Amino acid sequence: MADMLVLRLDDVDLGNRRIIIGGRVRLLDDLTHQLLADWLRHRQTAGPTPPTRTCSSTTRPP
C-alpha cells in the first residue's frame, strides 16, 4: 500500500495498460484502466497543474 502513495505519472502507461508499483510492472484490468484514465482527465481539467508528477490526492472525510 505504501508504494501506491508514491505513484508518479511516469509509472503509468495507459496506452499499454501497465503501471509500475514497487518497481514491478503490473497490467491494468479494464476497470482500473478506466478509473485511472478518468482520474487523470479530472485532474487535468479541475484546476491548476500540480507542481509534482504524483498521481495521489489528499482527501478528508466528511
PDB file of N, CA and C in Angstrom:
ATOM      1  N   MET A   1       0.814  -1.192   0.000  1.00  0.00           N
ATOM      2  CA  MET A   1       0.000   0.000   0.000  1.00  0.00           C
ATOM      3  C   MET A   1       0.861   1.261   0.000  1.00  0.00           C
ATOM      4  N   ALA A   2       1.972   1.247   0.724  1.00  0.00           N
ATOM      5  CA  ALA A   2       2.823   2.434   0.785  1.00  0.00           C
ATOM      6  C   ALA A   2       3.355   2.809  -0.588  1.00  0.00           C
ATOM      7  N   ASP A   3       3.582   1.809  -1.459  1.00  0.00           N
ATOM      8  CA  ASP A   3       4.072   2.101  -2.805  1.00  0.00           C
ATOM      9  C   ASP A   3       3.054   2.900  -3.611  1.00  0.00           C
ATOM     10  N   MET A   4       1.775   2.726  -3.331  1.00  0.00           N
ATOM     11  CA  MET A   4       0.740   3.489  -4.027  1.00  0.00           C
ATOM     12  C   MET A   4       0.789   4.963  -3.635  1.00  0.00           C
ATOM     13  N   LEU A   5       1.304   5.269  -2.452  1.00  0.00           N
ATOM     14  CA  LEU A   5       1.363   6.655  -2.001  1.00  0.00           C
ATOM     15  C   LEU A   5       2.407   7.461  -2.764  1.00  0.00           C
ATOM     16  N   VAL A   6       3.348   6.786  -3.403  1.00  0.00           N
ATOM     17  CA  VAL A   6       4.392   7.481  -4.154  1.00  0.00           C
ATOM     18  C   VAL A   6       4.253   7.230  -5.659  1.00  0.00           C
ATOM     19  N   LEU A   7       3.082   6.878  -6.099  1.00  0.00           N
ATOM     20  CA  LEU A   7       2.831   6.633  -7.513  1.00  0.00           C
ATOM     21  C   LEU A   7       3.010   7.927  -8.296  1.00  0.00           C
ATOM     22  N   ARG A   8       3.821   7.867  -9.358  1.00  0.00           N
ATOM     23  CA  ARG A   8       4.105   9.046 -10.170  1.00  0.00           C
ATOM     24  C   ARG A   8       3.525   8.849 -11.566  1.00  0.00           C
ATOM     25  N   LEU A   9       3.299   9.951 -12.260  1.00  0.00           N
ATOM     26  CA  LEU A   9       2.778   9.875 -13.626  1.00  0.00           C
ATOM     27  C   LEU A   9       3.678   9.032 -14.520  1.00  0.00           C
ATOM     28  N   ASP A  10       4.985   9.077 -14.275  1.00  0.00           N
ATOM     29  CA  ASP A  10       5.919   8.286 -15.069  1.00  0.00           C
ATOM     30  C   ASP A  10       5.723   6.781 -14.863  1.00  0.00           C
ATOM     31  N   ASP A  11       5.034   6.387 -13.786  1.00  0.00           N
ATOM     32  CA  ASP A  11       4.779   4.976 -13.501  1.00  0.00           C
ATOM     33  C   ASP A  11       3.546   4.451 -14.239  1.00  0.00           C
ATOM     34  N   VAL A  12       2.803   5.335 -14.872  1.00  0.00           N
ATOM     35  CA  VAL A  12       1.548   4.968 -15.526  1.00  0.00           C
ATOM     36  C   VAL A  12       1.734   4.949 -17.043  1.00  0.00           C
ATOM     37  N   ASP A  13       1.358   3.847 -17.672  1.00  0.00           N
ATOM     38  CA  ASP A  13       1.405   3.712 -19.128  1.00  0.00           C
ATOM     39  C   ASP A  13       0.014   3.255 -19.581  1.00  0.00           C
ATOM     40  N   LEU A  14      -0.883   4.228 -19.750  1.00  0.00           N
ATOM     41  CA  LEU A  14      -2.262   3.887 -20.108  1.00  0.00           C
ATOM     42  C   LEU A  14      -2.347   3.243 -21.485  1.00  0.00           C
ATOM     43  N   GLY A  15      -1.522   3.677 -22.430  1.00  0.00           N
ATOM     44  CA  GLY A  15      -1.557   3.129 -23.781  1.00  0.00           C
ATOM     45  C   GLY A  15      -1.273   1.644 -23.822  1.00  0.00           C
ATOM     46  N   ASN A  16      -0.360   1.201 -22.977  1.00  0.00           N
ATOM     47  CA  ASN A  16      -0.018  -0.226 -22.916  1.00  0.00           C
ATOM     48  C   ASN A  16      -0.664  -0.924 -21.730  1.00  0.00           C
ATOM     49  N   ARG A  17      -1.538  -0.182 -21.017  1.00  0.00           N
ATOM     50  CA  ARG A  17      -2.308  -0.728 -19.901  1.00  0.00           C
ATOM     51  C   ARG A  17      -1.411  -1.334 -18.824  1.00  0.00           C
ATOM     52  N   ARG A  18      -0.374  -0.562 -18.458  1.00  0.00           N
ATOM     53  CA  ARG A  18       0.564  -1.023 -17.438  1.00  0.00           C
ATOM     54  C   ARG A  18       0.792   0.069 -16.409  1.00  0.00           C
ATOM     55  N   ILE A  19       1.194  -0.374 -15.223  1.00  0.00           N
ATOM     56  CA  ILE A  19       1.545   0.542 -14.153  1.00  0.00           C
ATOM     57  C   ILE A  19       2.705  -0.080 -13.388  1.00  0.00           C
ATOM     58  N   ILE A  20       3.585   0.748 -12.872  1.00  0.00           N
ATOM     59  CA  ILE A  20       4.709   0.245 -12.080  1.00  0.00           C
ATOM     60  C   ILE A  20       4.433   0.583 -10.624  1.00  0.00           C
ATOM     61  N   ILE A  21       4.375  -0.435  -9.801  1.00  0.00           N
ATOM     62  CA  ILE A  21       4.139  -0.269  -8.366  1.00  0.00           C
ATOM     63  C   ILE A  21       5.234  -1.042  -7.636  1.00  0.00           C
ATOM     64  N   GLY A  22       5.967  -0.356  -6.816  1.00  0.00           N
ATOM     65  CA  GLY A  22       7.034  -1.010  -6.072  1.00  0.00           C
ATOM     66  C   GLY A  22       8.102  -1.611  -6.969  1.00  0.00           C
ATOM     67  N   GLY A  23       8.328  -0.984  -8.117  1.00  0.00           N
ATOM     68  CA  GLY A  23       9.340  -1.464  -9.041  1.00  0.00           C
ATOM     69  C   GLY A  23       8.900  -2.630  -9.913  1.00  0.00           C
ATOM     70  N   ARG A  24       7.664  -3.075  -9.772  1.00  0.00           N
ATOM     71  CA  ARG A  24       7.141  -4.193 -10.554  1.00  0.00           C
ATOM     72  C   ARG A  24       6.093  -3.707 -11.541  1.00  0.00           C
ATOM     73  N   VAL A  25       6.166  -4.189 -12.771  1.00  0.00           N
ATOM     74  CA  VAL A  25       5.183  -3.837 -13.793  1.00  0.00           C
ATOM     75  C   VAL A  25       3.944  -4.705 -13.584  1.00  0.00           C
ATOM     76  N   ARG A  26       2.806  -4.048 -13.561  1.00  0.00           N
ATOM     77  CA  ARG A  26       1.530  -4.760 -13.400  1.00  0.00           C
ATOM     78  C   ARG A  26       0.600  -4.335 -14.525  1.00  0.00           C
ATOM     79  N   LEU A  27      -0.166  -5.274 -15.004  1.00  0.00           N
ATOM     80  CA  LEU A  27      -1.132  -4.977 -16.053  1.00  0.00           C
ATOM     81  C   LEU A  27      -2.394  -4.389 -15.437  1.00  0.00           C
ATOM     82  N   LEU A  28      -3.010  -3.455 -16.153  1.00  0.00           N
ATOM     83  CA  LEU A  28      -4.244  -2.837 -15.679  1.00  0.00           C
ATOM     84  C   LEU A  28      -5.449  -3.586 -16.239  1.00  0.00           C
ATOM     85  N   ASP A  29      -6.372  -3.969 -15.373  1.00  0.00           N
ATOM     86  CA  ASP A  29      -7.624  -4.539 -15.855  1.00  0.00           C
ATOM     87  C   ASP A  29      -8.503  -3.405 -16.386  1.00  0.00           C
ATOM     88  N   ASP A  30      -9.608  -3.743 -16.997  1.00  0.00           N
ATOM     89  CA  ASP A  30     -10.466  -2.729 -17.639  1.00  0.00           C
ATOM     90  C   ASP A  30     -10.944  -1.672 -16.650  1.00  0.00           C
ATOM     91  N   LEU A  31     -11.403  -2.097 -15.484  1.00  0.00           N
ATOM     92  CA  LEU A  31     -11.936  -1.147 -14.507  1.00  0.00           C
ATOM     93  C   LEU A  31     -10.847  -0.197 -14.004  1.00  0.00           C
ATOM     94  N   THR A  32      -9.696  -0.740 -13.630  1.00  0.00           N
ATOM     95  CA  THR A  32      -8.610   0.091 -13.127  1.00  0.00           C
ATOM     96  C   THR A  32      -8.118   1.052 -14.203  1.00  0.00           C
ATOM     97  N   HIS A  33      -8.019   0.581 -15.430  1.00  0.00           N
ATOM     98  CA  HIS A  33      -7.598   1.425 -16.553  1.00  0.00           C
ATOM     99  C   HIS A  33      -8.561   2.597 -16.720  1.00  0.00           C
ATOM    100  N   GLN A  34      -9.860   2.319 -16.700  1.00  0.00           N
ATOM    101  CA  GLN A  34     -10.857   3.372 -16.881  1.00  0.00           C
ATOM    102  C   GLN A  34     -10.857   4.363 -15.721  1.00  0.00           C
ATOM    103  N   LEU A  35     -10.776   3.855 -14.499  1.00  0.00           N
ATOM    104  CA  LEU A  35     -10.764   4.740 -13.329  1.00  0.00           C
ATOM    105  C   LEU A  35      -9.531   5.636 -13.316  1.00  0.00           C
ATOM    106  N   LEU A  36      -8.376   5.076 -13.648  1.00  0.00           N
ATOM    107  CA  LEU A  36      -7.158   5.861 -13.684  1.00  0.00           C
ATOM    108  C   LEU A  36      -7.209   6.913 -14.796  1.00  0.00           C
ATOM    109  N   ALA A  37      -7.710   6.536 -15.961  1.00  0.00           N
ATOM    110  CA  ALA A  37      -7.847   7.491 -17.068  1.00  0.00           C
ATOM    111  C   ALA A  37      -8.811   8.616 -16.683  1.00  0.00           C
ATOM    112  N   ASP A  38      -9.925   8.260 -16.057  1.00  0.00           N
ATOM    113  CA  ASP A  38     -10.898   9.267 -15.620  1.00  0.00           C
ATOM    114  C   ASP A  38     -10.281  10.207 -14.588  1.00  0.00           C
ATOM    115  N   TRP A  39      -9.534   9.646 -13.633  1.00  0.00           N
ATOM    116  CA  TRP A  39      -8.919  10.459 -12.588  1.00  0.00           C
ATOM    117  C   TRP A  39      -7.911  11.436 -13.190  1.00  0.00           C
ATOM    118  N   LEU A  40      -7.073  10.951 -14.098  1.00  0.00           N
ATOM    119  CA  LEU A  40      -6.080  11.824 -14.714  1.00  0.00           C
ATOM    120  C   LEU A  40      -6.737  12.914 -15.559  1.00  0.00           C
ATOM    121  N   ARG A  41      -7.821  12.572 -16.247  1.00  0.00           N
ATOM    122  CA  ARG A  41      -8.556  13.562 -17.033  1.00  0.00           C
ATOM    123  C   ARG A  41      -9.175  14.612 -16.098  1.00  0.00           C
ATOM    124  N   HIS A  42      -9.729  14.158 -14.985  1.00  0.00           N
ATOM    125  CA  HIS A  42     -10.312  15.069 -13.989  1.00  0.00           C
ATOM    126  C   HIS A  42      -9.246  16.017 -13.452  1.00  0.00           C
ATOM    127  N   ARG A  43      -8.101  15.478 -13.095  1.00  0.00           N
ATOM    128  CA  ARG A  43      -7.018  16.321 -12.570  1.00  0.00           C
ATOM    129  C   ARG A  43      -6.582  17.363 -13.577  1.00  0.00           C
ATOM    130  N   GLN A  44      -6.584  16.989 -14.847  1.00  0.00           N
ATOM    131  CA  GLN A  44      -6.143  17.902 -15.896  1.00  0.00           C
ATOM    132  C   GLN A  44      -7.109  19.068 -16.069  1.00  0.00           C
ATOM    133  N   THR A  45      -8.395  18.822 -15.881  1.00  0.00           N
ATOM    134  CA  THR A  45      -9.398  19.853 -16.122  1.00  0.00           C
ATOM    135  C   THR A  45      -9.892  20.536 -14.846  1.00  0.00           C
ATOM    136  N   ALA A  46      -9.541  20.025 -13.676  1.00  0.00           N
ATOM    137  CA  ALA A  46     -10.110  20.520 -12.424  1.00  0.00           C
ATOM    138  C   ALA A  46      -9.462  21.797 -11.902  1.00  0.00           C
ATOM    139  N   GLY A  47      -8.335  22.163 -12.414  1.00  0.00           N
ATOM    140  CA  GLY A  47      -7.708  23.358 -11.888  1.00  0.00           C
ATOM    141  C   GLY A  47      -6.267  23.454 -12.324  1.00  0.00           C
ATOM    142  N   PRO A  48      -5.488  24.230 -11.591  1.00  0.00           N
ATOM    143  CA  PRO A  48      -4.087  24.418 -11.974  1.00  0.00           C
ATOM    144  C   PRO A  48      -3.310  23.107 -11.906  1.00  0.00           C
ATOM    145  N   THR A  49      -2.311  22.999 -12.751  1.00  0.00           N
ATOM    146  CA  THR A  49      -1.479  21.803 -12.773  1.00  0.00           C
ATOM    147  C   THR A  49      -0.670  21.729 -11.488  1.00  0.00           C
ATOM    148  N   PRO A  50      -0.715  20.567 -10.812  1.00  0.00           N
ATOM    149  CA  PRO A  50       0.069  20.435  -9.580  1.00  0.00           C
ATOM    150  C   PRO A  50       1.562  20.524  -9.882  1.00  0.00           C
ATOM    151  N   PRO A  51       2.357  20.999  -8.928  1.00  0.00           N
ATOM    152  CA  PRO A  51       3.789  21.162  -9.158  1.00  0.00           C
ATOM    153  C   PRO A  51       4.555  19.844  -9.220  1.00  0.00           C
ATOM    154  N   THR A  52       3.944  18.745  -8.778  1.00  0.00           N
ATOM    155  CA  THR A  52       4.619  17.448  -8.793  1.00  0.00           C
ATOM    156  C   THR A  52       3.988  16.540  -9.832  1.00  0.00           C
ATOM    157  N   ARG A  53       4.676  15.453 -10.151  1.00  0.00           N
ATOM    158  CA  ARG A  53       4.165  14.483 -11.116  1.00  0.00           C
ATOM    159  C   ARG A  53       3.555  13.276 -10.402  1.00  0.00           C
ATOM    160  N   THR A  54       3.046  13.475  -9.189  1.00  0.00           N
ATOM    161  CA  THR A  54       2.425  12.367  -8.469  1.00  0.00           C
ATOM    162  C   THR A  54       0.973  12.217  -8.903  1.00  0.00           C
ATOM    163  N   CYS A  55       0.455  11.016  -8.723  1.00  0.00           N
ATOM    164  CA  CYS A  55      -0.939  10.732  -9.086  1.00  0.00           C
ATOM    165  C   CYS A  55      -1.849  10.778  -7.870  1.00  0.00           C
ATOM    166  N   SER A  56      -1.297  11.029  -6.712  1.00  0.00           N
ATOM    167  CA  SER A  56      -2.081  10.940  -5.489  1.00  0.00           C
ATOM    168  C   SER A  56      -2.896  12.206  -5.250  1.00  0.00           C
ATOM    169  N   SER A  57      -3.798  12.077  -4.319  1.00  0.00           N
ATOM    170  CA  SER A  57      -4.642  13.200  -3.921  1.00  0.00           C
ATOM    171  C   SER A  57      -4.880  13.088  -2.422  1.00  0.00           C
ATOM    172  N   THR A  58      -5.112  14.210  -1.799  1.00  0.00           N
ATOM    173  CA  THR A  58      -5.455  14.168  -0.382  1.00  0.00           C
ATOM    174  C   THR A  58      -6.947  14.355  -0.234  1.00  0.00           C
ATOM    175  N   THR A  59      -7.536  13.521   0.544  1.00  0.00           N
ATOM    176  CA  THR A  59      -8.969  13.652   0.784  1.00  0.00           C
ATOM    177  C   THR A  59      -9.206  13.703   2.271  1.00  0.00           C
ATOM    178  N   ARG A  60     -10.268  14.360   2.628  1.00  0.00           N
ATOM    179  CA  ARG A  60     -10.656  14.434   4.036  1.00  0.00           C
ATOM    180  C   ARG A  60     -12.056  13.857   4.156  1.00  0.00           C
ATOM    181  N   PRO A  61     -12.284  13.080   5.200  1.00  0.00           N
ATOM    182  CA  PRO A  61     -13.622  12.537   5.393  1.00  0.00           C
ATOM    183  C   PRO A  61     -14.625  13.648   5.665  1.00  0.00           C
ATOM    184  N   PRO A  62     -15.880  13.443   5.291  1.00  0.00           N
ATOM    185  CA  PRO A  62     -16.900  14.487   5.535  1.00  0.00           C
ATOM    186  C   PRO A  62     -17.157  14.701   7.009  1.00  0.00           C
TER     187      PRO A  62
END
